Amino acid sequence: MSDSPFGDLAADDAKSAPIDRATNGPLDESEANAVRPYVDLGGVKILPRTDLQLRLEVEEGSKRVVAVALDYAGSTLQVQPFAAPRNSGLWHEIRQQIVDQIHKQGGTTRIVTGTFGPEVQAQIPVTAPGQPQGSRLARFIGVDGPRWFLRGVIAGDAIINPEAAAKVEELFRSIVVVRGVTPMPPRDLIPLHMPSAGAAAPTA
């Protein structure tokens, strides 16, 4: 048994999550308080809070919702829930794939131990027609839960401002993942959808 606050991370398929995940989040639907006024987006539920703006990212061709973007504390947190095996995790393998992809784009990365365990801090090239090449900074975080994996990408003030970072990390902690009972191959995106009519407003 490891003394690490993130459990035993030696094996590539080990689950990567804070030891207190089941109580402090991100939570599985079975662990969440059923009476809290969550905004139901299908694969995830978001707890409304002051100054939180919620956007859904939609795939152009299929019109499928592929991610949830949360604007908060001068930052953006993009989240995606994926199906995962019951007894093993995805973050170690996916983290390496993120690093490889960013390096192919000419970016730089470093792996650090953050609030949720290993994370990728990246500088990613950004090119626009007729503009000099720039770059953007991002943090890639991930947590393996029971039969799901939740990925987050943080940009904005939370990259450099510890106070903003703490607020965005607490926001990520407050997310509830709804895996459902439908069989799904590991790595498949858990379906997301628009909130139902009459749902609590994200800025309440």
N, C-alpha and C. Protein backbone atom coordinates (compact mmCIF):
# COMPACT_ATOMS: atom_id res chain seq x y z
N MET A 1 0.85 -1.20 0.00
CA MET A 1 0.00 0.00 0.00
C MET A 1 0.89 1.24 0.00
N SER A 2 0.64 2.19 -0.89
CA SER A 2 1.48 3.37 -1.00
C SER A 2 1.11 4.41 0.04
N ASP A 3 2.12 5.20 0.47
CA ASP A 3 1.87 6.31 1.37
C ASP A 3 1.51 7.58 0.61
N SER A 4 1.50 7.52 -0.70
CA SER A 4 1.19 8.69 -1.52
C SER A 4 -0.25 9.11 -1.31
N PRO A 5 -0.54 10.44 -1.30
CA PRO A 5 -1.92 10.90 -1.19
C PRO A 5 -2.74 10.57 -2.42
N PHE A 6 -2.10 10.04 -3.45
CA PHE A 6 -2.81 9.68 -4.68
C PHE A 6 -2.84 8.18 -4.90
N GLY A 7 -2.50 7.40 -3.87
CA GLY A 7 -2.54 5.96 -4.01
C GLY A 7 -1.31 5.43 -4.74
N ASP A 8 -1.35 4.16 -5.13
CA ASP A 8 -0.23 3.51 -5.81
C ASP A 8 -0.30 3.78 -7.29
N LEU A 9 0.66 4.57 -7.79
CA LEU A 9 0.63 4.97 -9.20
C LEU A 9 1.71 4.27 -10.01
N ALA A 10 2.26 3.17 -9.51
CA ALA A 10 3.39 2.55 -10.17
C ALA A 10 3.01 1.94 -11.51
N ALA A 11 1.88 1.26 -11.59
CA ALA A 11 1.51 0.56 -12.81
C ALA A 11 0.84 1.52 -13.80
N ASP A 12 1.08 1.26 -15.09
CA ASP A 12 0.54 2.14 -16.12
C ASP A 12 -0.98 2.14 -16.14
N ASP A 13 -1.60 1.02 -15.70
CA ASP A 13 -3.06 0.95 -15.73
C ASP A 13 -3.68 1.18 -14.35
N ALA A 14 -2.86 1.63 -13.38
CA ALA A 14 -3.40 1.91 -12.05
C ALA A 14 -4.33 3.12 -12.13
N LYS A 15 -5.29 3.15 -11.22
CA LYS A 15 -6.16 4.33 -11.15
C LYS A 15 -5.38 5.50 -10.58
N SER A 16 -5.61 6.68 -11.13
CA SER A 16 -4.96 7.90 -10.66
C SER A 16 -6.03 8.83 -10.14
N ALA A 17 -6.04 9.02 -8.81
CA ALA A 17 -7.05 9.87 -8.18
C ALA A 17 -6.60 10.19 -6.76
N PRO A 18 -7.01 11.35 -6.24
CA PRO A 18 -6.75 11.61 -4.82
C PRO A 18 -7.43 10.56 -3.95
N ILE A 19 -6.80 10.21 -2.84
CA ILE A 19 -7.37 9.20 -1.95
C ILE A 19 -8.73 9.63 -1.43
N ASP A 20 -8.96 10.96 -1.29
CA ASP A 20 -10.24 11.44 -0.77
C ASP A 20 -11.26 11.73 -1.88
N ARG A 21 -11.04 11.18 -3.07
CA ARG A 21 -11.94 11.48 -4.19
C ARG A 21 -13.39 11.14 -3.87
N ALA A 22 -13.63 10.00 -3.23
CA ALA A 22 -15.01 9.54 -2.99
C ALA A 22 -15.78 10.45 -2.04
N THR A 23 -15.06 11.28 -1.27
CA THR A 23 -15.74 12.20 -0.35
C THR A 23 -15.63 13.66 -0.81
N ASN A 24 -14.52 14.01 -1.44
CA ASN A 24 -14.29 15.41 -1.84
C ASN A 24 -14.31 15.65 -3.34
N GLY A 25 -14.52 14.61 -4.13
CA GLY A 25 -14.71 14.75 -5.56
C GLY A 25 -13.41 14.73 -6.37
N PRO A 26 -13.65 14.64 -7.71
CA PRO A 26 -14.93 14.55 -8.41
C PRO A 26 -15.69 13.28 -8.00
N LEU A 27 -17.00 13.42 -7.90
CA LEU A 27 -17.83 12.36 -7.35
C LEU A 27 -18.50 11.53 -8.43
N ASP A 28 -18.74 10.27 -8.10
CA ASP A 28 -19.65 9.44 -8.88
C ASP A 28 -21.08 9.79 -8.48
N GLU A 29 -22.01 9.56 -9.37
CA GLU A 29 -23.41 9.89 -9.07
C GLU A 29 -23.87 9.20 -7.78
N SER A 30 -23.38 7.99 -7.54
CA SER A 30 -23.79 7.25 -6.34
C SER A 30 -23.25 7.88 -5.05
N GLU A 31 -22.25 8.76 -5.18
CA GLU A 31 -21.63 9.38 -4.00
C GLU A 31 -22.14 10.79 -3.73
N ALA A 32 -22.89 11.34 -4.69
CA ALA A 32 -23.30 12.74 -4.60
C ALA A 32 -24.56 12.92 -3.76
N ASN A 33 -24.73 14.14 -3.26
CA ASN A 33 -25.93 14.51 -2.50
C ASN A 33 -27.08 14.71 -3.48
N ALA A 34 -28.07 13.83 -3.41
CA ALA A 34 -29.15 13.82 -4.40
C ALA A 34 -30.01 15.08 -4.36
N VAL A 35 -30.01 15.81 -3.27
CA VAL A 35 -30.91 16.97 -3.16
C VAL A 35 -30.23 18.28 -3.59
N ARG A 36 -28.95 18.25 -3.92
CA ARG A 36 -28.28 19.49 -4.35
C ARG A 36 -28.78 19.87 -5.74
N PRO A 37 -28.85 21.17 -6.05
CA PRO A 37 -29.47 21.63 -7.30
C PRO A 37 -28.51 21.61 -8.49
N TYR A 38 -28.09 20.42 -8.87
CA TYR A 38 -27.15 20.29 -9.99
C TYR A 38 -27.81 20.62 -11.33
N VAL A 39 -27.00 21.14 -12.26
CA VAL A 39 -27.41 21.26 -13.65
C VAL A 39 -27.05 19.95 -14.34
N ASP A 40 -28.06 19.25 -14.86
CA ASP A 40 -27.87 17.91 -15.44
C ASP A 40 -27.50 18.05 -16.92
N LEU A 41 -26.27 17.64 -17.25
CA LEU A 41 -25.78 17.69 -18.63
C LEU A 41 -25.55 16.29 -19.18
N GLY A 42 -26.18 15.29 -18.58
CA GLY A 42 -26.00 13.92 -19.04
C GLY A 42 -24.86 13.26 -18.30
N GLY A 43 -23.69 13.17 -18.94
CA GLY A 43 -22.54 12.51 -18.35
C GLY A 43 -21.94 13.21 -17.16
N VAL A 44 -22.24 14.50 -17.00
CA VAL A 44 -21.77 15.23 -15.82
C VAL A 44 -22.90 16.10 -15.27
N LYS A 45 -22.81 16.37 -13.98
CA LYS A 45 -23.69 17.33 -13.33
C LYS A 45 -22.82 18.44 -12.74
N ILE A 46 -23.27 19.68 -12.91
CA ILE A 46 -22.50 20.83 -12.47
C ILE A 46 -23.28 21.57 -11.38
N LEU A 47 -22.60 21.92 -10.30
CA LEU A 47 -23.24 22.65 -9.22
C LEU A 47 -23.20 24.15 -9.55
N PRO A 48 -24.35 24.81 -9.68
CA PRO A 48 -24.36 26.24 -9.99
C PRO A 48 -23.65 27.05 -8.91
N ARG A 49 -23.03 28.14 -9.32
CA ARG A 49 -22.39 29.04 -8.36
C ARG A 49 -22.29 30.42 -8.99
N THR A 50 -22.13 31.43 -8.16
CA THR A 50 -22.05 32.80 -8.63
C THR A 50 -20.87 32.96 -9.58
N ASP A 51 -21.11 33.68 -10.69
CA ASP A 51 -20.09 34.02 -11.68
C ASP A 51 -19.63 32.85 -12.53
N LEU A 52 -20.29 31.72 -12.44
CA LEU A 52 -19.95 30.59 -13.30
C LEU A 52 -20.75 30.67 -14.61
N GLN A 53 -20.04 30.64 -15.72
CA GLN A 53 -20.68 30.60 -17.03
C GLN A 53 -20.42 29.22 -17.65
N LEU A 54 -21.47 28.62 -18.17
CA LEU A 54 -21.38 27.27 -18.70
C LEU A 54 -21.62 27.29 -20.21
N ARG A 55 -20.74 26.62 -20.95
CA ARG A 55 -20.90 26.51 -22.41
C ARG A 55 -20.74 25.05 -22.82
N LEU A 56 -21.52 24.65 -23.80
CA LEU A 56 -21.38 23.30 -24.34
C LEU A 56 -20.65 23.38 -25.68
N GLU A 57 -19.64 22.52 -25.86
CA GLU A 57 -18.89 22.48 -27.10
C GLU A 57 -19.48 21.39 -27.98
N VAL A 58 -19.88 21.77 -29.19
CA VAL A 58 -20.63 20.87 -30.08
C VAL A 58 -19.80 20.55 -31.31
N GLU A 59 -19.74 19.27 -31.66
CA GLU A 59 -19.04 18.82 -32.87
C GLU A 59 -19.82 19.27 -34.09
N GLU A 60 -19.13 19.91 -35.01
CA GLU A 60 -19.81 20.58 -36.12
C GLU A 60 -20.62 19.63 -36.99
N GLY A 61 -20.02 18.52 -37.37
CA GLY A 61 -20.72 17.62 -38.29
C GLY A 61 -21.88 16.87 -37.66
N SER A 62 -21.62 16.25 -36.50
CA SER A 62 -22.62 15.39 -35.87
C SER A 62 -23.57 16.15 -34.95
N LYS A 63 -23.22 17.41 -34.62
CA LYS A 63 -23.98 18.21 -33.65
C LYS A 63 -24.00 17.57 -32.27
N ARG A 64 -23.04 16.69 -32.03
CA ARG A 64 -22.95 16.01 -30.74
C ARG A 64 -22.21 16.90 -29.75
N VAL A 65 -22.71 16.98 -28.51
CA VAL A 65 -22.00 17.71 -27.46
C VAL A 65 -20.78 16.88 -27.06
N VAL A 66 -19.58 17.47 -27.18
CA VAL A 66 -18.36 16.71 -26.93
C VAL A 66 -17.58 17.18 -25.70
N ALA A 67 -17.96 18.32 -25.14
CA ALA A 67 -17.26 18.81 -23.95
C ALA A 67 -18.11 19.88 -23.28
N VAL A 68 -17.83 20.11 -22.01
CA VAL A 68 -18.45 21.19 -21.25
C VAL A 68 -17.35 22.17 -20.88
N ALA A 69 -17.55 23.45 -21.20
CA ALA A 69 -16.59 24.50 -20.85
C ALA A 69 -17.18 25.36 -19.75
N LEU A 70 -16.41 25.54 -18.68
CA LEU A 70 -16.85 26.31 -17.53
C LEU A 70 -15.93 27.52 -17.38
N ASP A 71 -16.49 28.71 -17.53
CA ASP A 71 -15.73 29.95 -17.37
C ASP A 71 -15.92 30.43 -15.94
N TYR A 72 -14.79 30.55 -15.21
CA TYR A 72 -14.88 30.84 -13.78
C TYR A 72 -13.53 31.37 -13.29
N ALA A 73 -13.58 32.38 -12.44
CA ALA A 73 -12.37 32.94 -11.82
C ALA A 73 -11.32 33.35 -12.85
N GLY A 74 -11.78 33.97 -13.94
CA GLY A 74 -10.86 34.43 -14.97
C GLY A 74 -10.20 33.30 -15.73
N SER A 75 -10.79 32.12 -15.67
CA SER A 75 -10.19 30.93 -16.26
C SER A 75 -11.26 30.13 -16.99
N THR A 76 -10.81 29.16 -17.77
CA THR A 76 -11.72 28.22 -18.42
C THR A 76 -11.32 26.81 -18.04
N LEU A 77 -12.30 26.02 -17.63
CA LEU A 77 -12.11 24.61 -17.34
C LEU A 77 -12.97 23.82 -18.32
N GLN A 78 -12.31 23.07 -19.21
CA GLN A 78 -13.05 22.20 -20.13
C GLN A 78 -13.03 20.79 -19.57
N VAL A 79 -14.19 20.15 -19.51
CA VAL A 79 -14.26 18.80 -18.94
C VAL A 79 -14.92 17.84 -19.92
N GLN A 80 -14.44 16.59 -19.87
CA GLN A 80 -15.00 15.49 -20.68
C GLN A 80 -15.00 14.22 -19.83
N PRO A 81 -16.15 13.52 -19.74
CA PRO A 81 -16.20 12.25 -19.02
C PRO A 81 -16.12 11.08 -20.01
N PHE A 82 -15.33 10.07 -19.67
CA PHE A 82 -15.16 8.90 -20.53
C PHE A 82 -15.45 7.63 -19.76
N ALA A 83 -15.94 6.62 -20.48
CA ALA A 83 -16.10 5.29 -19.88
C ALA A 83 -14.72 4.70 -19.63
N ALA A 84 -14.61 3.91 -18.56
CA ALA A 84 -13.33 3.31 -18.19
C ALA A 84 -13.56 1.91 -17.62
N PRO A 85 -12.51 1.10 -17.59
CA PRO A 85 -12.65 -0.23 -16.97
C PRO A 85 -12.97 -0.12 -15.48
N ARG A 86 -13.55 -1.17 -14.95
CA ARG A 86 -13.94 -1.14 -13.54
C ARG A 86 -12.71 -1.11 -12.61
N ASN A 87 -11.69 -1.87 -12.94
CA ASN A 87 -10.59 -2.07 -12.00
C ASN A 87 -9.26 -1.44 -12.43
N SER A 88 -9.25 -0.71 -13.51
CA SER A 88 -8.00 -0.06 -13.93
C SER A 88 -8.31 1.35 -14.42
N GLY A 89 -7.27 2.16 -14.55
CA GLY A 89 -7.45 3.55 -14.92
C GLY A 89 -6.95 3.86 -16.32
N LEU A 90 -7.26 5.07 -16.79
CA LEU A 90 -6.86 5.51 -18.12
C LEU A 90 -5.86 6.66 -18.10
N TRP A 91 -5.75 7.39 -16.98
CA TRP A 91 -5.03 8.66 -17.00
C TRP A 91 -3.55 8.51 -17.34
N HIS A 92 -2.89 7.47 -16.87
CA HIS A 92 -1.46 7.33 -17.15
C HIS A 92 -1.20 7.20 -18.64
N GLU A 93 -2.00 6.40 -19.32
CA GLU A 93 -1.83 6.21 -20.76
C GLU A 93 -2.26 7.46 -21.53
N ILE A 94 -3.39 8.04 -21.17
CA ILE A 94 -3.89 9.23 -21.88
C ILE A 94 -2.95 10.41 -21.68
N ARG A 95 -2.38 10.51 -20.47
CA ARG A 95 -1.45 11.61 -20.19
C ARG A 95 -0.26 11.58 -21.14
N GLN A 96 0.28 10.38 -21.38
CA GLN A 96 1.43 10.26 -22.28
C GLN A 96 1.03 10.60 -23.71
N GLN A 97 -0.18 10.24 -24.11
CA GLN A 97 -0.65 10.56 -25.45
C GLN A 97 -0.80 12.07 -25.63
N ILE A 98 -1.25 12.77 -24.59
CA ILE A 98 -1.35 14.23 -24.64
C ILE A 98 0.04 14.85 -24.83
N VAL A 99 1.01 14.35 -24.06
CA VAL A 99 2.38 14.84 -24.17
C VAL A 99 2.92 14.64 -25.59
N ASP A 100 2.73 13.44 -26.13
CA ASP A 100 3.23 13.13 -27.47
C ASP A 100 2.59 14.05 -28.51
N GLN A 101 1.29 14.29 -28.39
CA GLN A 101 0.58 15.12 -29.36
C GLN A 101 1.07 16.57 -29.30
N ILE A 102 1.28 17.09 -28.10
CA ILE A 102 1.74 18.47 -27.97
C ILE A 102 3.16 18.62 -28.52
N HIS A 103 4.00 17.62 -28.29
CA HIS A 103 5.36 17.67 -28.81
C HIS A 103 5.35 17.65 -30.34
N LYS A 104 4.44 16.89 -30.94
CA LYS A 104 4.34 16.87 -32.40
C LYS A 104 3.93 18.23 -32.96
N GLN A 105 3.19 18.99 -32.17
CA GLN A 105 2.77 20.33 -32.59
C GLN A 105 3.86 21.36 -32.37
N GLY A 106 4.98 20.94 -31.78
CA GLY A 106 6.06 21.87 -31.51
C GLY A 106 5.98 22.52 -30.15
N GLY A 107 5.12 22.00 -29.28
CA GLY A 107 4.97 22.56 -27.95
C GLY A 107 5.90 21.91 -26.95
N THR A 108 5.83 22.38 -25.72
CA THR A 108 6.63 21.81 -24.64
C THR A 108 5.72 21.41 -23.49
N THR A 109 6.15 20.42 -22.72
CA THR A 109 5.35 19.93 -21.59
C THR A 109 6.26 19.59 -20.42
N ARG A 110 5.65 19.55 -19.26
CA ARG A 110 6.31 18.96 -18.10
C ARG A 110 5.26 18.29 -17.24
N ILE A 111 5.63 17.19 -16.63
CA ILE A 111 4.74 16.45 -15.74
C ILE A 111 5.03 16.89 -14.31
N VAL A 112 4.01 17.33 -13.60
CA VAL A 112 4.17 17.73 -12.20
C VAL A 112 3.10 17.03 -11.38
N THR A 113 3.30 16.97 -10.08
CA THR A 113 2.29 16.43 -9.16
C THR A 113 1.47 17.59 -8.64
N GLY A 114 0.18 17.58 -8.98
CA GLY A 114 -0.71 18.64 -8.57
C GLY A 114 -1.75 18.15 -7.58
N THR A 115 -2.82 18.91 -7.45
CA THR A 115 -3.88 18.59 -6.50
C THR A 115 -4.50 17.22 -6.75
N PHE A 116 -4.58 16.81 -8.03
CA PHE A 116 -5.27 15.58 -8.38
C PHE A 116 -4.31 14.43 -8.71
N GLY A 117 -3.01 14.67 -8.53
CA GLY A 117 -2.01 13.68 -8.91
C GLY A 117 -1.19 14.20 -10.08
N PRO A 118 -0.65 13.31 -10.90
CA PRO A 118 0.16 13.76 -12.03
C PRO A 118 -0.67 14.59 -13.01
N GLU A 119 -0.12 15.70 -13.47
CA GLU A 119 -0.79 16.52 -14.47
C GLU A 119 0.24 16.99 -15.49
N VAL A 120 -0.27 17.42 -16.64
CA VAL A 120 0.59 17.93 -17.70
C VAL A 120 0.46 19.45 -17.75
N GLN A 121 1.57 20.14 -17.60
CA GLN A 121 1.60 21.58 -17.83
C GLN A 121 2.24 21.81 -19.19
N ALA A 122 1.55 22.52 -20.06
CA ALA A 122 1.96 22.60 -21.45
C ALA A 122 1.99 24.01 -21.98
N GLN A 123 2.90 24.24 -22.91
CA GLN A 123 2.92 25.46 -23.71
C GLN A 123 2.68 25.01 -25.15
N ILE A 124 1.55 25.44 -25.71
CA ILE A 124 1.08 24.92 -26.99
C ILE A 124 1.13 26.02 -28.04
N PRO A 125 1.77 25.76 -29.19
CA PRO A 125 1.82 26.77 -30.25
C PRO A 125 0.42 27.11 -30.77
N VAL A 126 0.22 28.39 -31.06
CA VAL A 126 -1.04 28.85 -31.64
C VAL A 126 -0.69 29.66 -32.88
N THR A 127 -1.28 29.28 -34.00
CA THR A 127 -1.02 30.00 -35.25
C THR A 127 -2.33 30.52 -35.81
N ALA A 128 -2.28 31.73 -36.34
CA ALA A 128 -3.43 32.34 -36.99
C ALA A 128 -2.95 32.95 -38.30
N PRO A 129 -3.77 32.88 -39.37
CA PRO A 129 -3.36 33.41 -40.66
C PRO A 129 -2.92 34.87 -40.57
N GLY A 130 -1.73 35.15 -41.08
CA GLY A 130 -1.25 36.53 -41.11
C GLY A 130 -0.75 37.05 -39.78
N GLN A 131 -0.68 36.18 -38.77
CA GLN A 131 -0.24 36.62 -37.44
C GLN A 131 1.05 35.88 -37.06
N PRO A 132 1.94 36.53 -36.29
CA PRO A 132 3.12 35.81 -35.80
C PRO A 132 2.71 34.69 -34.87
N GLN A 133 3.51 33.63 -34.85
CA GLN A 133 3.16 32.48 -34.02
C GLN A 133 3.23 32.84 -32.54
N GLY A 134 2.22 32.43 -31.82
CA GLY A 134 2.20 32.63 -30.38
C GLY A 134 2.07 31.29 -29.69
N SER A 135 1.73 31.32 -28.42
CA SER A 135 1.54 30.08 -27.68
C SER A 135 0.54 30.32 -26.57
N ARG A 136 -0.05 29.25 -26.09
CA ARG A 136 -0.96 29.34 -24.96
C ARG A 136 -0.53 28.31 -23.92
N LEU A 137 -0.82 28.63 -22.67
CA LEU A 137 -0.48 27.74 -21.57
C LEU A 137 -1.73 26.97 -21.14
N ALA A 138 -1.55 25.72 -20.77
CA ALA A 138 -2.69 24.90 -20.35
C ALA A 138 -2.22 23.87 -19.33
N ARG A 139 -3.13 23.48 -18.46
CA ARG A 139 -2.93 22.37 -17.53
C ARG A 139 -3.92 21.27 -17.87
N PHE A 140 -3.41 20.06 -18.04
CA PHE A 140 -4.26 18.90 -18.30
C PHE A 140 -4.30 18.06 -17.02
N ILE A 141 -5.50 17.88 -16.48
CA ILE A 141 -5.68 17.11 -15.25
C ILE A 141 -6.61 15.95 -15.54
N GLY A 142 -6.50 14.89 -14.74
CA GLY A 142 -7.36 13.73 -14.94
C GLY A 142 -7.56 12.96 -13.66
N VAL A 143 -8.75 12.38 -13.51
CA VAL A 143 -9.08 11.57 -12.34
C VAL A 143 -9.81 10.31 -12.80
N ASP A 144 -9.33 9.17 -12.34
CA ASP A 144 -10.00 7.89 -12.60
C ASP A 144 -10.99 7.61 -11.48
N GLY A 145 -12.25 7.40 -11.85
CA GLY A 145 -13.28 7.05 -10.89
C GLY A 145 -13.78 5.64 -11.12
N PRO A 146 -14.91 5.28 -10.50
CA PRO A 146 -15.50 3.95 -10.70
C PRO A 146 -16.14 3.84 -12.09
N ARG A 147 -15.47 3.17 -13.00
CA ARG A 147 -15.96 2.92 -14.37
C ARG A 147 -16.02 4.20 -15.20
N TRP A 148 -15.32 5.25 -14.78
CA TRP A 148 -15.25 6.46 -15.59
C TRP A 148 -13.91 7.16 -15.38
N PHE A 149 -13.59 8.02 -16.33
CA PHE A 149 -12.41 8.87 -16.26
C PHE A 149 -12.84 10.28 -16.62
N LEU A 150 -12.45 11.26 -15.79
CA LEU A 150 -12.82 12.65 -16.03
C LEU A 150 -11.56 13.45 -16.36
N ARG A 151 -11.55 14.05 -17.55
CA ARG A 151 -10.41 14.85 -17.97
C ARG A 151 -10.76 16.33 -17.90
N GLY A 152 -9.82 17.13 -17.46
CA GLY A 152 -10.01 18.58 -17.42
C GLY A 152 -8.84 19.28 -18.09
N VAL A 153 -9.13 20.40 -18.75
CA VAL A 153 -8.10 21.25 -19.33
C VAL A 153 -8.34 22.66 -18.79
N ILE A 154 -7.32 23.19 -18.13
CA ILE A 154 -7.43 24.51 -17.48
C ILE A 154 -6.61 25.53 -18.26
N ALA A 155 -7.20 26.70 -18.51
CA ALA A 155 -6.50 27.80 -19.17
C ALA A 155 -6.91 29.10 -18.49
N GLY A 156 -6.11 30.15 -18.71
CA GLY A 156 -6.45 31.46 -18.14
C GLY A 156 -5.70 31.74 -16.85
N ASP A 157 -6.31 32.54 -15.98
CA ASP A 157 -5.65 33.00 -14.75
C ASP A 157 -5.19 31.85 -13.86
N ALA A 158 -5.91 30.72 -13.89
CA ALA A 158 -5.57 29.60 -13.01
C ALA A 158 -4.22 28.97 -13.33
N ILE A 159 -3.63 29.35 -14.45
CA ILE A 159 -2.30 28.84 -14.78
C ILE A 159 -1.23 29.51 -13.92
N ILE A 160 -1.42 30.80 -13.62
CA ILE A 160 -0.37 31.58 -12.96
C ILE A 160 -0.79 32.16 -11.61
N ASN A 161 -2.09 32.17 -11.34
CA ASN A 161 -2.61 32.80 -10.12
C ASN A 161 -3.06 31.71 -9.14
N PRO A 162 -2.38 31.55 -8.01
CA PRO A 162 -2.73 30.47 -7.07
C PRO A 162 -4.17 30.56 -6.56
N GLU A 163 -4.68 31.77 -6.35
CA GLU A 163 -6.04 31.92 -5.86
C GLU A 163 -7.06 31.45 -6.89
N ALA A 164 -6.84 31.84 -8.16
CA ALA A 164 -7.72 31.38 -9.23
C ALA A 164 -7.59 29.87 -9.41
N ALA A 165 -6.36 29.35 -9.31
CA ALA A 165 -6.15 27.91 -9.45
C ALA A 165 -6.93 27.14 -8.40
N ALA A 166 -6.92 27.62 -7.16
CA ALA A 166 -7.64 26.93 -6.08
C ALA A 166 -9.14 26.92 -6.36
N LYS A 167 -9.67 28.02 -6.89
CA LYS A 167 -11.10 28.09 -7.19
C LYS A 167 -11.48 27.11 -8.31
N VAL A 168 -10.64 27.05 -9.35
CA VAL A 168 -10.95 26.16 -10.47
C VAL A 168 -10.78 24.70 -10.07
N GLU A 169 -9.79 24.41 -9.25
CA GLU A 169 -9.62 23.04 -8.77
C GLU A 169 -10.81 22.61 -7.90
N GLU A 170 -11.32 23.53 -7.09
CA GLU A 170 -12.51 23.22 -6.28
C GLU A 170 -13.72 23.00 -7.19
N LEU A 171 -13.81 23.76 -8.28
CA LEU A 171 -14.89 23.56 -9.25
C LEU A 171 -14.80 22.17 -9.87
N PHE A 172 -13.60 21.75 -10.24
CA PHE A 172 -13.41 20.40 -10.80
C PHE A 172 -13.80 19.35 -9.77
N ARG A 173 -13.44 19.58 -8.52
CA ARG A 173 -13.80 18.65 -7.44
C ARG A 173 -15.32 18.51 -7.31
N SER A 174 -16.05 19.58 -7.59
CA SER A 174 -17.50 19.57 -7.35
C SER A 174 -18.30 18.88 -8.45
N ILE A 175 -17.64 18.48 -9.54
CA ILE A 175 -18.34 17.84 -10.65
C ILE A 175 -18.77 16.42 -10.27
N VAL A 176 -19.96 16.06 -10.70
CA VAL A 176 -20.48 14.70 -10.51
C VAL A 176 -20.51 14.01 -11.87
N VAL A 177 -19.94 12.82 -11.94
CA VAL A 177 -19.94 12.05 -13.19
C VAL A 177 -21.06 11.01 -13.13
N VAL A 178 -21.85 10.97 -14.21
CA VAL A 178 -22.97 10.03 -14.32
C VAL A 178 -22.60 8.99 -15.37
N ARG A 179 -22.09 7.86 -14.94
CA ARG A 179 -21.64 6.82 -15.87
C ARG A 179 -22.81 6.09 -16.51
N GLY A 180 -23.88 5.87 -15.74
CA GLY A 180 -25.01 5.11 -16.27
C GLY A 180 -24.71 3.63 -16.30
N VAL A 181 -25.68 2.83 -16.72
CA VAL A 181 -25.53 1.38 -16.70
C VAL A 181 -25.34 0.80 -18.09
N THR A 182 -25.41 1.62 -19.13
CA THR A 182 -25.25 1.13 -20.49
C THR A 182 -23.80 0.68 -20.72
N PRO A 183 -23.58 -0.53 -21.22
CA PRO A 183 -22.21 -0.97 -21.51
C PRO A 183 -21.56 -0.04 -22.55
N MET A 184 -20.32 0.35 -22.29
CA MET A 184 -19.58 1.22 -23.20
C MET A 184 -18.13 0.79 -23.23
N PRO A 185 -17.50 0.80 -24.41
CA PRO A 185 -16.07 0.50 -24.47
C PRO A 185 -15.27 1.57 -23.72
N PRO A 186 -14.18 1.19 -23.06
CA PRO A 186 -13.32 2.18 -22.42
C PRO A 186 -12.88 3.24 -23.43
N ARG A 187 -12.80 4.49 -22.98
CA ARG A 187 -12.41 5.66 -23.76
C ARG A 187 -13.55 6.28 -24.55
N ASP A 188 -14.71 5.63 -24.61
CA ASP A 188 -15.86 6.26 -25.27
C ASP A 188 -16.33 7.43 -24.43
N LEU A 189 -16.67 8.54 -25.08
CA LEU A 189 -17.21 9.70 -24.38
C LEU A 189 -18.58 9.36 -23.81
N ILE A 190 -18.76 9.57 -22.52
CA ILE A 190 -20.08 9.38 -21.92
C ILE A 190 -20.98 10.48 -22.47
N PRO A 191 -22.16 10.14 -23.01
CA PRO A 191 -22.98 11.14 -23.70
C PRO A 191 -23.31 12.35 -22.84
N LEU A 192 -23.19 13.52 -23.45
CA LEU A 192 -23.53 14.80 -22.84
C LEU A 192 -24.73 15.38 -23.58
N HIS A 193 -25.51 16.23 -22.91
CA HIS A 193 -26.64 16.85 -23.58
C HIS A 193 -26.93 18.22 -22.96
N MET A 194 -27.76 18.97 -23.65
CA MET A 194 -28.18 20.27 -23.15
C MET A 194 -28.97 20.09 -21.86
N PRO A 195 -28.91 21.05 -20.94
CA PRO A 195 -29.73 20.93 -19.73
C PRO A 195 -31.21 20.99 -20.08
N SER A 196 -32.01 20.28 -19.31
CA SER A 196 -33.44 20.25 -19.58
C SER A 196 -34.07 21.61 -19.26
N ALA A 197 -35.20 21.88 -19.88
CA ALA A 197 -35.91 23.13 -19.63
C ALA A 197 -36.27 23.22 -18.16
N GLY A 198 -36.04 24.41 -17.59
CA GLY A 198 -36.35 24.60 -16.19
C GLY A 198 -35.24 24.21 -15.24
N ALA A 199 -34.08 23.77 -15.81
CA ALA A 199 -32.95 23.43 -14.96
C ALA A 199 -32.40 24.69 -14.29
N ALA A 200 -31.72 24.46 -13.18
CA ALA A 200 -31.13 25.60 -12.46
C ALA A 200 -30.17 26.34 -13.35
N ALA A 201 -30.23 27.64 -13.32
CA ALA A 201 -29.35 28.46 -14.16
C ALA A 201 -27.93 28.35 -13.68
N PRO A 202 -26.93 28.20 -14.60
CA PRO A 202 -25.55 28.04 -14.20
C PRO A 202 -25.01 29.21 -13.39
N THR A 203 -25.60 30.38 -13.52
CA THR A 203 -25.06 31.55 -12.81
C THR A 203 -25.83 31.84 -11.52
N ALA A 204 -26.72 30.93 -11.12
CA ALA A 204 -27.51 31.17 -9.91
C ALA A 204 -26.64 31.17 -8.68
